[in-house]
N, C-alpha and C. Protein backbone atom coordinates (compact mmCIF):
# COMPACT_ATOMS: atom_id res chain seq x y z
N MET A 1 0.92 -27.85 -9.25
CA MET A 1 -0.38 -28.19 -8.69
C MET A 1 -0.23 -28.66 -7.24
N GLY A 2 0.86 -29.38 -6.94
CA GLY A 2 1.07 -29.88 -5.59
C GLY A 2 1.25 -28.76 -4.59
N THR A 3 1.89 -27.68 -5.01
CA THR A 3 2.11 -26.55 -4.11
C THR A 3 0.79 -25.90 -3.74
N LYS A 4 -0.09 -25.75 -4.72
CA LYS A 4 -1.41 -25.17 -4.43
C LYS A 4 -2.18 -26.05 -3.47
N LYS A 5 -2.12 -27.34 -3.69
CA LYS A 5 -2.85 -28.28 -2.83
C LYS A 5 -2.31 -28.21 -1.40
N ASN A 6 -0.99 -28.19 -1.27
CA ASN A 6 -0.39 -28.12 0.07
C ASN A 6 -0.73 -26.79 0.74
N GLY A 7 -0.72 -25.71 -0.03
CA GLY A 7 -1.06 -24.40 0.52
C GLY A 7 -2.50 -24.35 1.01
N LEU A 8 -3.40 -24.93 0.21
CA LEU A 8 -4.81 -24.95 0.61
C LEU A 8 -5.02 -25.81 1.86
N LEU A 9 -4.32 -26.93 1.92
CA LEU A 9 -4.42 -27.77 3.11
C LEU A 9 -3.88 -27.06 4.34
N ALA A 10 -2.78 -26.33 4.19
CA ALA A 10 -2.22 -25.58 5.31
C ALA A 10 -3.19 -24.49 5.76
N LEU A 11 -3.80 -23.80 4.80
CA LEU A 11 -4.76 -22.76 5.13
C LEU A 11 -5.98 -23.35 5.83
N LEU A 12 -6.45 -24.48 5.37
CA LEU A 12 -7.58 -25.15 6.00
C LEU A 12 -7.22 -25.58 7.42
N GLY A 13 -6.01 -26.07 7.61
CA GLY A 13 -5.56 -26.47 8.94
C GLY A 13 -5.48 -25.29 9.89
N LEU A 14 -4.96 -24.16 9.40
CA LEU A 14 -4.90 -22.96 10.23
C LEU A 14 -6.29 -22.47 10.59
N GLY A 15 -7.21 -22.54 9.64
CA GLY A 15 -8.58 -22.14 9.90
C GLY A 15 -9.22 -23.02 10.96
N ALA A 16 -9.00 -24.32 10.86
CA ALA A 16 -9.56 -25.25 11.85
C ALA A 16 -8.96 -24.99 13.23
N LEU A 17 -7.66 -24.74 13.28
CA LEU A 17 -7.01 -24.44 14.56
C LEU A 17 -7.55 -23.15 15.16
N ALA A 18 -7.73 -22.14 14.33
CA ALA A 18 -8.26 -20.86 14.82
C ALA A 18 -9.69 -21.04 15.34
N TRP A 19 -10.50 -21.79 14.61
CA TRP A 19 -11.88 -22.03 15.04
C TRP A 19 -11.90 -22.78 16.37
N TRP A 20 -11.07 -23.81 16.51
CA TRP A 20 -11.01 -24.60 17.74
C TRP A 20 -10.58 -23.72 18.92
N LYS A 21 -9.55 -22.89 18.67
CA LYS A 21 -9.06 -22.02 19.74
C LYS A 21 -10.14 -21.00 20.14
N TYR A 22 -10.85 -20.47 19.15
CA TYR A 22 -11.92 -19.50 19.44
C TYR A 22 -13.03 -20.15 20.26
N LYS A 23 -13.44 -21.35 19.86
CA LYS A 23 -14.53 -22.04 20.56
C LYS A 23 -14.15 -22.40 21.99
N ASN A 24 -12.87 -22.64 22.25
CA ASN A 24 -12.43 -23.02 23.59
C ASN A 24 -11.94 -21.84 24.42
N SER A 25 -12.09 -20.62 23.93
CA SER A 25 -11.63 -19.46 24.67
C SER A 25 -12.76 -18.91 25.55
N THR A 26 -12.40 -18.02 26.46
CA THR A 26 -13.39 -17.43 27.36
C THR A 26 -14.24 -16.42 26.59
N PRO A 27 -15.41 -16.09 27.13
CA PRO A 27 -16.25 -15.08 26.46
C PRO A 27 -15.53 -13.74 26.27
N GLU A 28 -14.68 -13.36 27.24
CA GLU A 28 -13.93 -12.11 27.11
C GLU A 28 -12.96 -12.17 25.92
N GLU A 29 -12.29 -13.32 25.78
CA GLU A 29 -11.37 -13.48 24.67
C GLU A 29 -12.12 -13.50 23.33
N GLN A 30 -13.28 -14.14 23.33
CA GLN A 30 -14.10 -14.16 22.11
C GLN A 30 -14.53 -12.75 21.73
N GLN A 31 -14.91 -11.93 22.74
CA GLN A 31 -15.30 -10.56 22.46
C GLN A 31 -14.13 -9.74 21.93
N ALA A 32 -12.94 -10.01 22.46
CA ALA A 32 -11.75 -9.29 21.98
C ALA A 32 -11.49 -9.63 20.51
N VAL A 33 -11.68 -10.88 20.14
CA VAL A 33 -11.51 -11.28 18.74
C VAL A 33 -12.55 -10.59 17.87
N LYS A 34 -13.80 -10.57 18.33
CA LYS A 34 -14.86 -9.90 17.57
C LYS A 34 -14.55 -8.42 17.39
N ASP A 35 -14.04 -7.79 18.45
CA ASP A 35 -13.70 -6.37 18.37
C ASP A 35 -12.59 -6.12 17.36
N LYS A 36 -11.58 -6.99 17.35
CA LYS A 36 -10.48 -6.84 16.39
C LYS A 36 -10.99 -7.01 14.96
N VAL A 37 -11.86 -7.97 14.75
CA VAL A 37 -12.41 -8.20 13.40
C VAL A 37 -13.24 -7.01 12.96
N ASN A 38 -14.07 -6.49 13.85
CA ASN A 38 -14.90 -5.33 13.50
C ASN A 38 -14.06 -4.10 13.21
N THR A 39 -12.99 -3.89 13.99
CA THR A 39 -12.10 -2.77 13.75
C THR A 39 -11.42 -2.91 12.39
N ALA A 40 -10.95 -4.12 12.09
CA ALA A 40 -10.30 -4.36 10.80
C ALA A 40 -11.29 -4.13 9.66
N LYS A 41 -12.52 -4.58 9.84
CA LYS A 41 -13.56 -4.38 8.81
C LYS A 41 -13.84 -2.90 8.60
N ASP A 42 -13.95 -2.15 9.69
CA ASP A 42 -14.19 -0.71 9.58
C ASP A 42 -13.05 0.00 8.87
N ASN A 43 -11.81 -0.37 9.22
CA ASN A 43 -10.64 0.23 8.58
C ASN A 43 -10.61 -0.11 7.09
N PHE A 44 -10.94 -1.33 6.75
CA PHE A 44 -10.95 -1.75 5.36
C PHE A 44 -12.02 -0.99 4.57
N ASN A 45 -13.19 -0.83 5.16
CA ASN A 45 -14.27 -0.08 4.51
C ASN A 45 -13.87 1.38 4.32
N LYS A 46 -13.23 1.97 5.33
CA LYS A 46 -12.79 3.36 5.22
C LYS A 46 -11.77 3.50 4.11
N TRP A 47 -10.82 2.57 4.05
CA TRP A 47 -9.80 2.59 3.00
C TRP A 47 -10.45 2.47 1.63
N GLY A 48 -11.42 1.59 1.49
CA GLY A 48 -12.13 1.42 0.22
C GLY A 48 -12.89 2.67 -0.19
N ASN A 49 -13.54 3.31 0.77
CA ASN A 49 -14.26 4.55 0.48
C ASN A 49 -13.32 5.67 0.08
N ASP A 50 -12.17 5.76 0.75
CA ASP A 50 -11.17 6.77 0.40
C ASP A 50 -10.65 6.53 -1.02
N LEU A 51 -10.39 5.29 -1.34
CA LEU A 51 -9.90 4.95 -2.67
C LEU A 51 -10.94 5.28 -3.73
N LYS A 52 -12.20 4.98 -3.44
CA LYS A 52 -13.28 5.29 -4.38
C LYS A 52 -13.41 6.80 -4.58
N SER A 53 -13.28 7.55 -3.51
CA SER A 53 -13.36 9.01 -3.59
C SER A 53 -12.21 9.57 -4.43
N LYS A 54 -11.01 9.08 -4.20
CA LYS A 54 -9.86 9.56 -4.97
C LYS A 54 -10.00 9.21 -6.44
N ALA A 55 -10.50 8.03 -6.73
CA ALA A 55 -10.70 7.63 -8.13
C ALA A 55 -11.73 8.54 -8.79
N GLY A 56 -12.78 8.88 -8.07
CA GLY A 56 -13.80 9.79 -8.60
C GLY A 56 -13.22 11.17 -8.86
N ASP A 57 -12.36 11.64 -7.95
CA ASP A 57 -11.72 12.95 -8.15
C ASP A 57 -10.84 12.94 -9.39
N VAL A 58 -10.07 11.88 -9.57
CA VAL A 58 -9.19 11.79 -10.74
C VAL A 58 -10.02 11.73 -12.02
N ALA A 59 -11.08 10.97 -12.01
CA ALA A 59 -11.95 10.87 -13.19
C ALA A 59 -12.56 12.23 -13.52
N SER A 60 -12.96 12.97 -12.50
CA SER A 60 -13.53 14.30 -12.71
C SER A 60 -12.48 15.24 -13.31
N GLN A 61 -11.26 15.17 -12.81
CA GLN A 61 -10.18 16.01 -13.34
C GLN A 61 -9.90 15.68 -14.80
N VAL A 62 -9.91 14.40 -15.13
CA VAL A 62 -9.67 13.98 -16.52
C VAL A 62 -10.79 14.50 -17.41
N GLN A 63 -12.02 14.39 -16.96
CA GLN A 63 -13.15 14.90 -17.76
C GLN A 63 -13.03 16.40 -17.98
N ASP A 64 -12.61 17.14 -16.94
CA ASP A 64 -12.44 18.59 -17.08
C ASP A 64 -11.35 18.91 -18.10
N LYS A 65 -10.23 18.18 -18.05
CA LYS A 65 -9.14 18.41 -19.00
C LYS A 65 -9.59 18.11 -20.43
N VAL A 66 -10.33 17.03 -20.61
CA VAL A 66 -10.82 16.67 -21.94
C VAL A 66 -11.76 17.76 -22.45
N HIS A 67 -12.63 18.23 -21.59
CA HIS A 67 -13.56 19.29 -21.98
C HIS A 67 -12.80 20.56 -22.36
N GLN A 68 -11.77 20.92 -21.59
CA GLN A 68 -10.97 22.10 -21.90
C GLN A 68 -10.26 21.95 -23.24
N ALA A 69 -9.69 20.76 -23.46
CA ALA A 69 -8.99 20.52 -24.73
C ALA A 69 -9.96 20.59 -25.90
N LYS A 70 -11.14 20.01 -25.74
CA LYS A 70 -12.15 20.03 -26.79
C LYS A 70 -12.57 21.46 -27.10
N THR A 71 -12.80 22.25 -26.06
CA THR A 71 -13.19 23.65 -26.25
C THR A 71 -12.08 24.44 -26.94
N SER A 72 -10.86 24.18 -26.55
CA SER A 72 -9.71 24.87 -27.16
C SER A 72 -9.60 24.53 -28.64
N VAL A 73 -9.76 23.28 -28.99
CA VAL A 73 -9.69 22.86 -30.39
C VAL A 73 -10.84 23.48 -31.18
N GLU A 74 -12.03 23.47 -30.62
CA GLU A 74 -13.18 24.06 -31.32
C GLU A 74 -12.99 25.56 -31.53
N ASP A 75 -12.43 26.24 -30.51
CA ASP A 75 -12.19 27.68 -30.65
C ASP A 75 -11.17 27.97 -31.75
N SER A 76 -10.11 27.17 -31.80
CA SER A 76 -9.08 27.42 -32.83
C SER A 76 -9.62 27.10 -34.22
N VAL A 77 -10.47 26.11 -34.34
CA VAL A 77 -11.08 25.79 -35.64
C VAL A 77 -12.03 26.92 -36.06
N ASN A 78 -12.78 27.45 -35.13
CA ASN A 78 -13.71 28.55 -35.44
C ASN A 78 -12.96 29.82 -35.83
N GLN A 79 -11.80 30.06 -35.23
CA GLN A 79 -11.03 31.25 -35.56
C GLN A 79 -10.42 31.16 -36.95
N GLN A 80 -10.09 29.94 -37.39
CA GLN A 80 -9.51 29.77 -38.72
C GLN A 80 -10.53 29.93 -39.83
N GLN A 81 -11.79 29.77 -39.51
CA GLN A 81 -12.82 29.86 -40.56
C GLN A 81 -13.22 31.24 -40.80
């Protein structure tokens, strides 16, 4: 429990230091920080959308395979009758 508490305090301290540094920086430096954050956000969103698309493709492929297997089993059962 002590490690978590110390980690949270360290994270809070880093956040406070970053906020203080941002508030005391020039408008150009503040804009550069905003640009970096927006770029990171855009990249993260793109990565998430790509991951969602790939997951949808895999799910579609699995559904197709299941449908093919089901059709194959039904055909073999119908041929035996």
